[in-house]
Amino acid sequence: MKFRSKLAVIFAPSERFFMRTVPLAPDAPPLAQAELALEGHAPFPLAQLFWGCWIAPDRSRALVYAAHRRRFAPEETVAWEQADLVVPDTLPLLAAAPDEETRRRLAAQPPPAGTPRARRKGDQLHFELADAAGVSIATAISVRADLDALDVRDRAFQQQRRRDRRQRELAWRLLLVAGGLVAAAVVLEVAGLTFSLLARAQRLRATAQAVVVQKLETAQTLASRVDDLTHRRLRFFEMLATVNAARPHSIQFTRSGSGGRNTLEIEAQTSSSDDVDAFQAALRKLAELEKADVRDLRARDGVTTFTLSVVFKAAPTAGNGGGT
């Protein structure tokens, strides 16, 4: 969890604290070293002290500060429970001192007029002393990991705060995960609804297109049928004229019609039955005909009736069909 840009820091009066700068070894925890140094210098047990330390960013030294608990009235420490941090008010000035001699000299002088403040900058904590115009007079920099070391409050209280902070961090992470899952579920639901709508629109388009395609297929079938009945079939009157050219004068056509693409059906009569055979023989000699057959030959009262079926070999390319 990152700190807020503005920390809720309580700056306690520095004159109530004993302060000393101690060197730190690089191979041991800084806070443990500061605690050992304080045990050697403080006249009271650590359990009776409010104490903390500022650890230099290079981990080479620490400014240890401590005050007996009796020096703070209970009504003064009540507000400490709600703060993020409690440190001495001249921490920015004294922690910025390059050495112990400078720190002692600054501590012996009256504190300069200024307002202590704290802010976060990335993972660093900046403790500043600002003048009346808001300009920083001195700045001490610490790191996020040293937050608990800076705090003068009871260590048990700090441990409980750490546990509470970890619980808040866990709850916040769980909330973020839950929010992410909810957002993902919403996205999936919206995506599913979108895909459903798109699929429905696609089905509707397909249905509409199927109707159009069916109409086009019907039109194409009709066009093919018309073409078949017109351009690709023998023209009726041309077939009739070809047959009529070979007809003897005694034979009369009583009815004619088309029996297929290249077939002509003719009902005829004659007063001379011999002309029927002559007519059939004449037709079979025509190069255009595939065959010519006579059937249903009947004679009554001197009139012979018959049916003539003529099949042509090839069909002309265009014409009209019909019957008489």
C-alpha atoms as a PDB file:
ATOM      1  CA  MET A   1       0.000   0.000   0.000  1.00  0.00           C
ATOM      2  CA  LYS A   2       1.434   3.405  -0.956  1.00  0.00           C
ATOM      3  CA  PHE A   3       1.212   6.350   1.422  1.00  0.00           C
ATOM      4  CA  ARG A   4      -0.987   9.292   0.682  1.00  0.00           C
ATOM      5  CA  SER A   5       0.730  12.367  -0.716  1.00  0.00           C
ATOM      6  CA  LYS A   6      -0.059  14.188   2.537  1.00  0.00           C
ATOM      7  CA  LEU A   7       0.686  12.187   5.688  1.00  0.00           C
ATOM      8  CA  ALA A   8      -1.296  12.616   8.878  1.00  0.00           C
ATOM      9  CA  VAL A   9       1.796  13.364  10.977  1.00  0.00           C
ATOM     10  CA  ILE A  10       1.809  14.717  14.534  1.00  0.00           C
ATOM     11  CA  PHE A  11       4.956  16.649  15.331  1.00  0.00           C
ATOM     12  CA  ALA A  12       5.650  16.417  19.068  1.00  0.00           C
ATOM     13  CA  PRO A  13       7.741  19.104  20.900  1.00  0.00           C
ATOM     14  CA  SER A  14      11.426  18.288  20.371  1.00  0.00           C
ATOM     15  CA  GLU A  15      12.537  19.804  23.712  1.00  0.00           C
ATOM     16  CA  ARG A  16      10.999  16.817  25.486  1.00  0.00           C
ATOM     17  CA  PHE A  17      13.209  14.329  23.656  1.00  0.00           C
ATOM     18  CA  PHE A  18      16.748  13.164  24.301  1.00  0.00           C
ATOM     19  CA  MET A  19      18.515  12.859  20.905  1.00  0.00           C
ATOM     20  CA  ARG A  20      21.738  11.258  19.778  1.00  0.00           C
ATOM     21  CA  THR A  21      23.243  10.292  16.431  1.00  0.00           C
ATOM     22  CA  VAL A  22      24.665   6.748  16.348  1.00  0.00           C
ATOM     23  CA  PRO A  23      26.671   5.016  13.608  1.00  0.00           C
ATOM     24  CA  LEU A  24      25.212   1.890  11.997  1.00  0.00           C
ATOM     25  CA  ALA A  25      26.974  -1.276  10.864  1.00  0.00           C
ATOM     26  CA  PRO A  26      25.937  -2.465   7.390  1.00  0.00           C
ATOM     27  CA  ASP A  27      25.583  -6.120   8.439  1.00  0.00           C
ATOM     28  CA  ALA A  28      22.883  -5.723  11.140  1.00  0.00           C
ATOM     29  CA  PRO A  29      19.278  -4.417  11.175  1.00  0.00           C
ATOM     30  CA  PRO A  30      19.360  -0.629  11.736  1.00  0.00           C
ATOM     31  CA  LEU A  31      16.420  -0.549  14.164  1.00  0.00           C
ATOM     32  CA  ALA A  32      17.970  -3.249  16.380  1.00  0.00           C
ATOM     33  CA  GLN A  33      21.233  -1.313  16.466  1.00  0.00           C
ATOM     34  CA  ALA A  34      19.406   1.881  17.387  1.00  0.00           C
ATOM     35  CA  GLU A  35      17.577   0.058  20.168  1.00  0.00           C
ATOM     36  CA  LEU A  36      20.860  -1.275  21.622  1.00  0.00           C
ATOM     37  CA  ALA A  37      22.416   2.181  21.461  1.00  0.00           C
ATOM     38  CA  LEU A  38      19.397   3.690  23.224  1.00  0.00           C
ATOM     39  CA  GLU A  39      19.535   1.067  26.002  1.00  0.00           C
ATOM     40  CA  GLY A  40      23.133   2.085  26.647  1.00  0.00           C
ATOM     41  CA  HIS A  41      22.425   5.832  26.823  1.00  0.00           C
ATOM     42  CA  ALA A  42      18.903   6.161  28.258  1.00  0.00           C
ATOM     43  CA  PRO A  43      18.492   6.377  32.043  1.00  0.00           C
ATOM     44  CA  PHE A  44      15.144   4.579  31.897  1.00  0.00           C
ATOM     45  CA  PRO A  45      14.013   1.208  30.525  1.00  0.00           C
ATOM     46  CA  LEU A  46      12.752   1.280  26.952  1.00  0.00           C
ATOM     47  CA  ALA A  47       9.266   0.211  28.114  1.00  0.00           C
ATOM     48  CA  GLN A  48       8.943   3.601  29.870  1.00  0.00           C
ATOM     49  CA  LEU A  49       9.951   5.613  26.809  1.00  0.00           C
ATOM     50  CA  PHE A  50       8.402   7.004  23.692  1.00  0.00           C
ATOM     51  CA  TRP A  51      11.216   6.512  21.226  1.00  0.00           C
ATOM     52  CA  GLY A  52      12.088   6.179  17.570  1.00  0.00           C
ATOM     53  CA  CYS A  53      14.865   6.863  15.119  1.00  0.00           C
ATOM     54  CA  TRP A  54      15.507   8.417  11.744  1.00  0.00           C
ATOM     55  CA  ILE A  55      17.725   6.163   9.593  1.00  0.00           C
ATOM     56  CA  ALA A  56      19.800   7.899   6.965  1.00  0.00           C
ATOM     57  CA  PRO A  57      19.037   6.858   3.367  1.00  0.00           C
ATOM     58  CA  ASP A  58      22.591   5.449   3.038  1.00  0.00           C
ATOM     59  CA  ARG A  59      22.013   3.374   6.231  1.00  0.00           C
ATOM     60  CA  SER A  60      25.283   4.663   7.735  1.00  0.00           C
ATOM     61  CA  ARG A  61      23.818   6.449  10.779  1.00  0.00           C
ATOM     62  CA  ALA A  62      20.621   6.976  12.742  1.00  0.00           C
ATOM     63  CA  LEU A  63      19.232   9.857  14.763  1.00  0.00           C
ATOM     64  CA  VAL A  64      17.743   8.266  17.884  1.00  0.00           C
ATOM     65  CA  TYR A  65      15.210  10.244  19.938  1.00  0.00           C
ATOM     66  CA  ALA A  66      13.462   9.256  23.179  1.00  0.00           C
ATOM     67  CA  ALA A  67      11.291  10.840  25.891  1.00  0.00           C
ATOM     68  CA  HIS A  68       9.892   9.491  29.146  1.00  0.00           C
ATOM     69  CA  ARG A  69       6.196   8.806  28.851  1.00  0.00           C
ATOM     70  CA  ARG A  70       5.409  11.000  31.844  1.00  0.00           C
ATOM     71  CA  ARG A  71       6.513  14.033  29.875  1.00  0.00           C
ATOM     72  CA  PHE A  72       3.323  13.707  27.770  1.00  0.00           C
ATOM     73  CA  ALA A  73      -0.082  14.074  29.350  1.00  0.00           C
ATOM     74  CA  PRO A  74      -2.744  11.502  28.388  1.00  0.00           C
ATOM     75  CA  GLU A  75      -4.843  14.178  26.697  1.00  0.00           C
ATOM     76  CA  GLU A  76      -1.849  14.934  24.465  1.00  0.00           C
ATOM     77  CA  THR A  77      -1.438  11.328  23.320  1.00  0.00           C
ATOM     78  CA  VAL A  78      -5.132  10.679  22.615  1.00  0.00           C
ATOM     79  CA  ALA A  79      -4.836  12.226  19.143  1.00  0.00           C
ATOM     80  CA  TRP A  80      -1.799  10.055  18.410  1.00  0.00           C
ATOM     81  CA  GLU A  81      -3.982   6.992  17.798  1.00  0.00           C
ATOM     82  CA  GLN A  82      -5.501   8.487  14.641  1.00  0.00           C
ATOM     83  CA  ALA A  83      -2.232   9.746  13.148  1.00  0.00           C
ATOM     84  CA  ASP A  84      -0.107   7.999  10.542  1.00  0.00           C
ATOM     85  CA  LEU A  85       3.073   8.995  12.335  1.00  0.00           C
ATOM     86  CA  VAL A  86       4.344  10.799  15.480  1.00  0.00           C
ATOM     87  CA  VAL A  87       7.855  12.358  15.342  1.00  0.00           C
ATOM     88  CA  PRO A  88       9.708  15.287  16.965  1.00  0.00           C
ATOM     89  CA  ASP A  89       8.958  18.630  15.319  1.00  0.00           C
ATOM     90  CA  THR A  90      12.617  19.516  14.611  1.00  0.00           C
ATOM     91  CA  LEU A  91      13.299  16.154  12.946  1.00  0.00           C
ATOM     92  CA  PRO A  92      13.691  17.781   9.485  1.00  0.00           C
ATOM     93  CA  LEU A  93      16.384  20.124  10.817  1.00  0.00           C
ATOM     94  CA  LEU A  94      18.311  17.775  13.113  1.00  0.00           C
ATOM     95  CA  ALA A  95      18.166  14.741  10.824  1.00  0.00           C
ATOM     96  CA  ALA A  96      19.567  16.828   7.997  1.00  0.00           C
ATOM     97  CA  ALA A  97      22.657  17.661  10.070  1.00  0.00           C
ATOM     98  CA  PRO A  98      25.731  16.028   8.494  1.00  0.00           C
ATOM     99  CA  ASP A  99      27.347  15.083  11.801  1.00  0.00           C
ATOM    100  CA  GLU A 100      26.781  14.870  15.540  1.00  0.00           C
ATOM    101  CA  GLU A 101      28.611  18.129  16.277  1.00  0.00           C
ATOM    102  CA  THR A 102      26.352  20.093  13.950  1.00  0.00           C
ATOM    103  CA  ARG A 103      23.320  18.363  15.418  1.00  0.00           C
ATOM    104  CA  ARG A 104      24.364  19.276  18.976  1.00  0.00           C
ATOM    105  CA  ARG A 105      24.918  22.900  17.937  1.00  0.00           C
ATOM    106  CA  LEU A 106      21.533  23.109  16.257  1.00  0.00           C
ATOM    107  CA  ALA A 107      19.831  21.427  19.209  1.00  0.00           C
ATOM    108  CA  ALA A 108      21.376  23.916  21.637  1.00  0.00           C
ATOM    109  CA  GLN A 109      20.081  26.896  19.664  1.00  0.00           C
ATOM    110  CA  PRO A 110      16.482  28.112  19.754  1.00  0.00           C
ATOM    111  CA  PRO A 111      14.562  26.360  16.990  1.00  0.00           C
ATOM    112  CA  PRO A 112      14.169  28.496  13.879  1.00  0.00           C
ATOM    113  CA  ALA A 113      10.724  29.821  13.146  1.00  0.00           C
ATOM    114  CA  GLY A 114       9.099  27.423  10.792  1.00  0.00           C
ATOM    115  CA  THR A 115       6.352  24.889  10.276  1.00  0.00           C
ATOM    116  CA  PRO A 116       7.153  21.184  10.093  1.00  0.00           C
ATOM    117  CA  ARG A 117       5.410  19.195   7.387  1.00  0.00           C
ATOM    118  CA  ALA A 118       5.655  15.805   5.746  1.00  0.00           C
ATOM    119  CA  ARG A 119       4.840  14.584   2.277  1.00  0.00           C
ATOM    120  CA  ARG A 120       5.321  11.519   0.137  1.00  0.00           C
ATOM    121  CA  LYS A 121       7.385  11.525  -3.015  1.00  0.00           C
ATOM    122  CA  GLY A 122       7.320   8.102  -4.619  1.00  0.00           C
ATOM    123  CA  ASP A 123       8.582   5.645  -2.005  1.00  0.00           C
ATOM    124  CA  GLN A 124      10.313   8.395  -0.043  1.00  0.00           C
ATOM    125  CA  LEU A 125       9.083  10.401   2.943  1.00  0.00           C
ATOM    126  CA  HIS A 126      10.169  14.020   2.992  1.00  0.00           C
ATOM    127  CA  PHE A 127      10.141  15.814   6.369  1.00  0.00           C
ATOM    128  CA  GLU A 128      10.511  19.552   5.858  1.00  0.00           C
ATOM    129  CA  LEU A 129      10.735  22.670   7.948  1.00  0.00           C
ATOM    130  CA  ALA A 130       9.115  25.528   6.028  1.00  0.00           C
ATOM    131  CA  ASP A 131       9.307  29.263   6.677  1.00  0.00           C
ATOM    132  CA  ALA A 132       6.361  31.637   6.717  1.00  0.00           C
ATOM    133  CA  ALA A 133       6.424  31.862   2.913  1.00  0.00           C
ATOM    134  CA  GLY A 134       6.234  28.076   2.603  1.00  0.00           C
ATOM    135  CA  VAL A 135       9.843  27.732   1.459  1.00  0.00           C
ATOM    136  CA  SER A 136      11.666  24.678   2.815  1.00  0.00           C
ATOM    137  CA  ILE A 137      14.439  25.555   5.275  1.00  0.00           C
ATOM    138  CA  ALA A 138      15.628  21.999   5.903  1.00  0.00           C
ATOM    139  CA  THR A 139      14.622  18.558   4.624  1.00  0.00           C
ATOM    140  CA  ALA A 140      15.210  15.074   6.002  1.00  0.00           C
ATOM    141  CA  ILE A 141      14.476  12.145   3.711  1.00  0.00           C
ATOM    142  CA  SER A 142      13.461   8.685   4.824  1.00  0.00           C
ATOM    143  CA  VAL A 143      12.200   5.629   2.999  1.00  0.00           C
ATOM    144  CA  ARG A 144       8.874   3.881   3.203  1.00  0.00           C
ATOM    145  CA  ALA A 145      10.335   0.805   4.904  1.00  0.00           C
ATOM    146  CA  ASP A 146      11.470   2.940   7.890  1.00  0.00           C
ATOM    147  CA  LEU A 147       8.017   4.295   8.730  1.00  0.00           C
ATOM    148  CA  ASP A 148       7.672   2.241  11.919  1.00  0.00           C
ATOM    149  CA  ALA A 149      11.224   3.089  13.015  1.00  0.00           C
ATOM    150  CA  LEU A 150      10.410   6.819  12.814  1.00  0.00           C
ATOM    151  CA  ASP A 151       7.316   6.513  15.001  1.00  0.00           C
ATOM    152  CA  VAL A 152       7.726   7.236  18.752  1.00  0.00           C
ATOM    153  CA  ARG A 153       4.573   5.405  19.785  1.00  0.00           C
ATOM    154  CA  ASP A 154       4.501   2.136  21.690  1.00  0.00           C
ATOM    155  CA  ARG A 155       5.927  -0.822  19.713  1.00  0.00           C
ATOM    156  CA  ALA A 156       2.956  -3.032  20.596  1.00  0.00           C
ATOM    157  CA  PHE A 157       0.657  -0.302  19.269  1.00  0.00           C
ATOM    158  CA  GLN A 158       2.747  -0.150  16.090  1.00  0.00           C
ATOM    159  CA  GLN A 159       2.576  -3.932  15.687  1.00  0.00           C
ATOM    160  CA  GLN A 160      -1.200  -3.775  15.944  1.00  0.00           C
ATOM    161  CA  ARG A 161      -1.221  -0.947  13.380  1.00  0.00           C
ATOM    162  CA  ARG A 162       0.941  -3.053  11.080  1.00  0.00           C
ATOM    163  CA  ARG A 163      -1.494  -5.936  11.407  1.00  0.00           C
ATOM    164  CA  ASP A 164      -4.404  -3.588  10.727  1.00  0.00           C
ATOM    165  CA  ARG A 165      -2.537  -2.130   7.762  1.00  0.00           C
ATOM    166  CA  ARG A 166      -1.852  -5.570   6.336  1.00  0.00           C
ATOM    167  CA  GLN A 167      -5.503  -6.490   6.788  1.00  0.00           C
ATOM    168  CA  ARG A 168      -6.543  -3.289   5.021  1.00  0.00           C
ATOM    169  CA  GLU A 169      -4.071  -4.003   2.243  1.00  0.00           C
ATOM    170  CA  LEU A 170      -5.419  -7.554   1.916  1.00  0.00           C
ATOM    171  CA  ALA A 171      -9.000  -6.308   1.946  1.00  0.00           C
ATOM    172  CA  TRP A 172      -8.100  -3.691  -0.661  1.00  0.00           C
ATOM    173  CA  ARG A 173      -6.416  -6.285  -2.884  1.00  0.00           C
ATOM    174  CA  LEU A 174      -9.396  -8.617  -2.500  1.00  0.00           C
ATOM    175  CA  LEU A 175     -11.678  -5.716  -3.364  1.00  0.00           C
ATOM    176  CA  LEU A 176      -9.583  -4.972  -6.446  1.00  0.00           C
ATOM    177  CA  VAL A 177      -9.658  -8.642  -7.463  1.00  0.00           C
ATOM    178  CA  ALA A 178     -13.405  -8.810  -6.881  1.00  0.00           C
ATOM    179  CA  GLY A 179     -13.872  -5.607  -8.834  1.00  0.00           C
ATOM    180  CA  GLY A 180     -11.751  -7.014 -11.626  1.00  0.00           C
ATOM    181  CA  LEU A 181     -13.790 -10.224 -11.657  1.00  0.00           C
ATOM    182  CA  VAL A 182     -17.032  -8.261 -11.700  1.00  0.00           C
ATOM    183  CA  ALA A 183     -15.727  -6.060 -14.494  1.00  0.00           C
ATOM    184  CA  ALA A 184     -14.611  -9.145 -16.430  1.00  0.00           C
ATOM    185  CA  ALA A 185     -18.017 -10.746 -15.889  1.00  0.00           C
ATOM    186  CA  VAL A 186     -19.737  -7.592 -17.114  1.00  0.00           C
ATOM    187  CA  VAL A 187     -17.468  -7.483 -20.156  1.00  0.00           C
ATOM    188  CA  LEU A 188     -18.177 -11.148 -20.886  1.00  0.00           C
ATOM    189  CA  GLU A 189     -21.898 -10.603 -20.421  1.00  0.00           C
ATOM    190  CA  VAL A 190     -21.854  -7.583 -22.725  1.00  0.00           C
ATOM    191  CA  ALA A 191     -19.736  -9.504 -25.222  1.00  0.00           C
ATOM    192  CA  GLY A 192     -22.146 -12.464 -25.083  1.00  0.00           C
ATOM    193  CA  LEU A 193     -25.133 -10.163 -25.568  1.00  0.00           C
ATOM    194  CA  THR A 194     -23.350  -8.417 -28.427  1.00  0.00           C
ATOM    195  CA  PHE A 195     -22.511 -11.720 -30.109  1.00  0.00           C
ATOM    196  CA  SER A 196     -26.105 -12.869 -29.608  1.00  0.00           C
ATOM    197  CA  LEU A 197     -27.443  -9.708 -31.211  1.00  0.00           C
ATOM    198  CA  LEU A 198     -24.953 -10.003 -34.052  1.00  0.00           C
ATOM    199  CA  ALA A 199     -25.892 -13.645 -34.590  1.00  0.00           C
ATOM    200  CA  ARG A 200     -29.573 -12.739 -34.583  1.00  0.00           C
ATOM    201  CA  ALA A 201     -28.962  -9.926 -37.060  1.00  0.00           C
ATOM    202  CA  GLN A 202     -26.962 -12.345 -39.191  1.00  0.00           C
ATOM    203  CA  ARG A 203     -29.826 -14.859 -39.110  1.00  0.00           C
ATOM    204  CA  LEU A 204     -32.310 -12.163 -40.055  1.00  0.00           C
ATOM    205  CA  ARG A 205     -30.083 -11.068 -42.947  1.00  0.00           C
ATOM    206  CA  ALA A 206     -29.678 -14.682 -44.022  1.00  0.00           C
ATOM    207  CA  THR A 207     -33.467 -15.189 -43.909  1.00  0.00           C
ATOM    208  CA  ALA A 208     -34.071 -12.033 -45.922  1.00  0.00           C
ATOM    209  CA  GLN A 209     -31.379 -13.022 -48.383  1.00  0.00           C
ATOM    210  CA  ALA A 210     -32.864 -16.536 -48.644  1.00  0.00           C
ATOM    211  CA  VAL A 211     -36.158 -15.008 -49.782  1.00  0.00           C
ATOM    212  CA  VAL A 212     -34.322 -12.907 -52.349  1.00  0.00           C
ATOM    213  CA  VAL A 213     -32.287 -15.911 -53.484  1.00  0.00           C
ATOM    214  CA  GLN A 214     -35.452 -17.992 -53.808  1.00  0.00           C
ATOM    215  CA  LYS A 215     -37.052 -15.282 -55.923  1.00  0.00           C
ATOM    216  CA  LEU A 216     -33.951 -15.077 -58.089  1.00  0.00           C
ATOM    217  CA  GLU A 217     -33.890 -18.848 -58.500  1.00  0.00           C
ATOM    218  CA  THR A 218     -37.571 -18.851 -59.434  1.00  0.00           C
ATOM    219  CA  ALA A 219     -37.005 -16.067 -61.931  1.00  0.00           C
ATOM    220  CA  GLN A 220     -34.025 -17.901 -63.376  1.00  0.00           C
ATOM    221  CA  THR A 221     -36.054 -21.115 -63.657  1.00  0.00           C
ATOM    222  CA  LEU A 222     -38.852 -19.253 -65.413  1.00  0.00           C
ATOM    223  CA  ALA A 223     -36.365 -17.563 -67.724  1.00  0.00           C
ATOM    224  CA  SER A 224     -34.808 -20.923 -68.547  1.00  0.00           C
ATOM    225  CA  ARG A 225     -38.249 -22.360 -69.184  1.00  0.00           C
ATOM    226  CA  VAL A 226     -39.182 -19.481 -71.442  1.00  0.00           C
ATOM    227  CA  ASP A 227     -35.909 -19.848 -73.281  1.00  0.00           C
ATOM    228  CA  ASP A 228     -36.533 -23.551 -73.582  1.00  0.00           C
ATOM    229  CA  LEU A 229     -40.035 -22.987 -74.921  1.00  0.00           C
ATOM    230  CA  THR A 230     -38.972 -20.280 -77.343  1.00  0.00           C
ATOM    231  CA  HIS A 231     -35.370 -20.055 -78.450  1.00  0.00           C
ATOM    232  CA  ARG A 232     -34.452 -23.702 -78.114  1.00  0.00           C
ATOM    233  CA  ARG A 233     -37.611 -25.351 -79.536  1.00  0.00           C
ATOM    234  CA  LEU A 234     -38.640 -25.766 -83.161  1.00  0.00           C
ATOM    235  CA  ARG A 235     -40.923 -23.081 -84.367  1.00  0.00           C
ATOM    236  CA  PHE A 236     -44.370 -24.514 -84.837  1.00  0.00           C
ATOM    237  CA  PHE A 237     -45.288 -22.752 -88.050  1.00  0.00           C
ATOM    238  CA  GLU A 238     -41.948 -23.560 -89.685  1.00  0.00           C
ATOM    239  CA  MET A 239     -42.511 -27.246 -88.908  1.00  0.00           C
ATOM    240  CA  LEU A 240     -46.067 -27.058 -90.190  1.00  0.00           C
ATOM    241  CA  ALA A 241     -44.929 -25.322 -93.403  1.00  0.00           C
ATOM    242  CA  THR A 242     -42.324 -28.025 -94.030  1.00  0.00           C
ATOM    243  CA  VAL A 243     -44.919 -30.801 -93.663  1.00  0.00           C
ATOM    244  CA  ASN A 244     -47.505 -28.873 -95.665  1.00  0.00           C
ATOM    245  CA  ALA A 245     -45.121 -28.558 -98.621  1.00  0.00           C
ATOM    246  CA  ALA A 246     -45.265 -32.318 -99.130  1.00  0.00           C
ATOM    247  CA  ARG A 247     -49.032 -32.618 -98.621  1.00  0.00           C
ATOM    248  CA  PRO A 248     -51.137 -33.951-101.548  1.00  0.00           C
ATOM    249  CA  HIS A 249     -54.056 -31.722-102.518  1.00  0.00           C
ATOM    250  CA  SER A 250     -56.616 -34.328-101.426  1.00  0.00           C
ATOM    251  CA  ILE A 251     -55.408 -34.304 -97.838  1.00  0.00           C
ATOM    252  CA  GLN A 252     -56.719 -31.674 -95.445  1.00  0.00           C
ATOM    253  CA  PHE A 253     -55.356 -30.924 -92.001  1.00  0.00           C
ATOM    254  CA  THR A 254     -58.163 -30.770 -89.416  1.00  0.00           C
ATOM    255  CA  ARG A 255     -56.041 -30.177 -86.345  1.00  0.00           C
ATOM    256  CA  SER A 256     -52.365 -29.688 -85.564  1.00  0.00           C
ATOM    257  CA  GLY A 257     -50.257 -29.241 -82.492  1.00  0.00           C
ATOM    258  CA  SER A 258     -46.766 -29.577 -81.029  1.00  0.00           C
ATOM    259  CA  GLY A 259     -45.939 -32.832 -79.289  1.00  0.00           C
ATOM    260  CA  GLY A 260     -42.563 -31.766 -77.930  1.00  0.00           C
ATOM    261  CA  ARG A 261     -39.511 -29.746 -78.906  1.00  0.00           C
ATOM    262  CA  ASN A 262     -39.259 -31.236 -82.383  1.00  0.00           C
ATOM    263  CA  THR A 263     -42.500 -33.230 -82.771  1.00  0.00           C
ATOM    264  CA  LEU A 264     -45.596 -32.240 -84.701  1.00  0.00           C
ATOM    265  CA  GLU A 265     -48.956 -33.994 -84.283  1.00  0.00           C
ATOM    266  CA  ILE A 266     -51.456 -33.558 -87.164  1.00  0.00           C
ATOM    267  CA  GLU A 267     -54.971 -34.918 -87.544  1.00  0.00           C
ATOM    268  CA  ALA A 268     -56.013 -35.070 -91.237  1.00  0.00           C
ATOM    269  CA  GLN A 269     -58.593 -36.465 -93.652  1.00  0.00           C
ATOM    270  CA  THR A 270     -58.731 -37.324 -97.332  1.00  0.00           C
ATOM    271  CA  SER A 271     -61.141 -38.722 -99.934  1.00  0.00           C
ATOM    272  CA  SER A 272     -58.305 -40.746-101.450  1.00  0.00           C
ATOM    273  CA  SER A 273     -56.810 -43.333 -99.105  1.00  0.00           C
ATOM    274  CA  ASP A 274     -53.928 -43.928-101.546  1.00  0.00           C
ATOM    275  CA  ASP A 275     -52.698 -40.380-100.931  1.00  0.00           C
ATOM    276  CA  VAL A 276     -52.063 -41.237 -97.265  1.00  0.00           C
ATOM    277  CA  ASP A 277     -49.263 -43.662 -98.173  1.00  0.00           C
ATOM    278  CA  ALA A 278     -47.945 -41.277-100.799  1.00  0.00           C
ATOM    279  CA  PHE A 279     -47.900 -38.432 -98.201  1.00  0.00           C
ATOM    280  CA  GLN A 280     -46.017 -40.582 -95.674  1.00  0.00           C
ATOM    281  CA  ALA A 281     -43.482 -41.651 -98.300  1.00  0.00           C
ATOM    282  CA  ALA A 282     -42.921 -38.038 -99.360  1.00  0.00           C
ATOM    283  CA  LEU A 283     -42.351 -36.954 -95.773  1.00  0.00           C
ATOM    284  CA  ARG A 284     -39.807 -39.686 -95.094  1.00  0.00           C
ATOM    285  CA  LYS A 285     -37.726 -38.416 -97.981  1.00  0.00           C
ATOM    286  CA  LEU A 286     -37.379 -34.963 -96.429  1.00  0.00           C
ATOM    287  CA  ALA A 287     -33.892 -34.344 -95.000  1.00  0.00           C
ATOM    288  CA  GLU A 288     -35.297 -32.292 -92.095  1.00  0.00           C
ATOM    289  CA  LEU A 289     -37.346 -35.173 -90.743  1.00  0.00           C
ATOM    290  CA  GLU A 290     -36.175 -37.978 -88.526  1.00  0.00           C
ATOM    291  CA  LYS A 291     -39.348 -39.962 -88.994  1.00  0.00           C
ATOM    292  CA  ALA A 292     -42.995 -39.693 -90.082  1.00  0.00           C
ATOM    293  CA  ASP A 293     -45.603 -42.174 -88.836  1.00  0.00           C
ATOM    294  CA  VAL A 294     -49.272 -42.585 -89.647  1.00  0.00           C
ATOM    295  CA  ARG A 295     -51.646 -44.085 -87.071  1.00  0.00           C
ATOM    296  CA  ASP A 296     -55.345 -44.348 -86.291  1.00  0.00           C
ATOM    297  CA  LEU A 297     -56.160 -44.785 -89.968  1.00  0.00           C
ATOM    298  CA  ARG A 298     -59.972 -45.008 -90.413  1.00  0.00           C
ATOM    299  CA  ALA A 299     -62.286 -45.010 -93.448  1.00  0.00           C
ATOM    300  CA  ARG A 300     -65.964 -44.093 -93.297  1.00  0.00           C
ATOM    301  CA  ASP A 301     -68.464 -42.934 -95.913  1.00  0.00           C
ATOM    302  CA  GLY A 302     -65.682 -42.492 -98.430  1.00  0.00           C
ATOM    303  CA  VAL A 303     -63.535 -40.327 -96.112  1.00  0.00           C
ATOM    304  CA  THR A 304     -60.313 -41.592 -94.610  1.00  0.00           C
ATOM    305  CA  THR A 305     -59.055 -40.025 -91.338  1.00  0.00           C
ATOM    306  CA  PHE A 306     -55.651 -40.489 -89.767  1.00  0.00           C
ATOM    307  CA  THR A 307     -53.138 -39.048 -87.351  1.00  0.00           C
ATOM    308  CA  LEU A 308     -49.682 -38.024 -88.543  1.00  0.00           C
ATOM    309  CA  SER A 309     -46.723 -37.849 -86.124  1.00  0.00           C
ATOM    310  CA  VAL A 310     -43.667 -36.070 -87.515  1.00  0.00           C
ATOM    311  CA  VAL A 311     -40.319 -35.833 -85.692  1.00  0.00           C
ATOM    312  CA  PHE A 312     -37.759 -33.297 -86.928  1.00  0.00           C
ATOM    313  CA  LYS A 313     -34.017 -33.861 -86.674  1.00  0.00           C
ATOM    314  CA  ALA A 314     -32.908 -30.414 -85.550  1.00  0.00           C
ATOM    315  CA  ALA A 315     -34.579 -27.384 -84.001  1.00  0.00           C
ATOM    316  CA  PRO A 316     -34.368 -23.819 -85.355  1.00  0.00           C
ATOM    317  CA  THR A 317     -32.916 -21.276 -82.927  1.00  0.00           C
ATOM    318  CA  ALA A 318     -35.876 -18.981 -82.445  1.00  0.00           C
ATOM    319  CA  GLY A 319     -39.624 -18.843 -82.992  1.00  0.00           C
ATOM    320  CA  ASN A 320     -43.056 -19.143 -81.438  1.00  0.00           C
ATOM    321  CA  GLY A 321     -45.017 -22.252 -80.518  1.00  0.00           C
ATOM    322  CA  GLY A 322     -48.747 -22.710 -80.821  1.00  0.00           C
ATOM    323  CA  GLY A 323     -51.604 -24.765 -82.343  1.00  0.00           C
ATOM    324  CA  THR A 324     -54.482 -24.426 -84.700  1.00  0.00           C
END
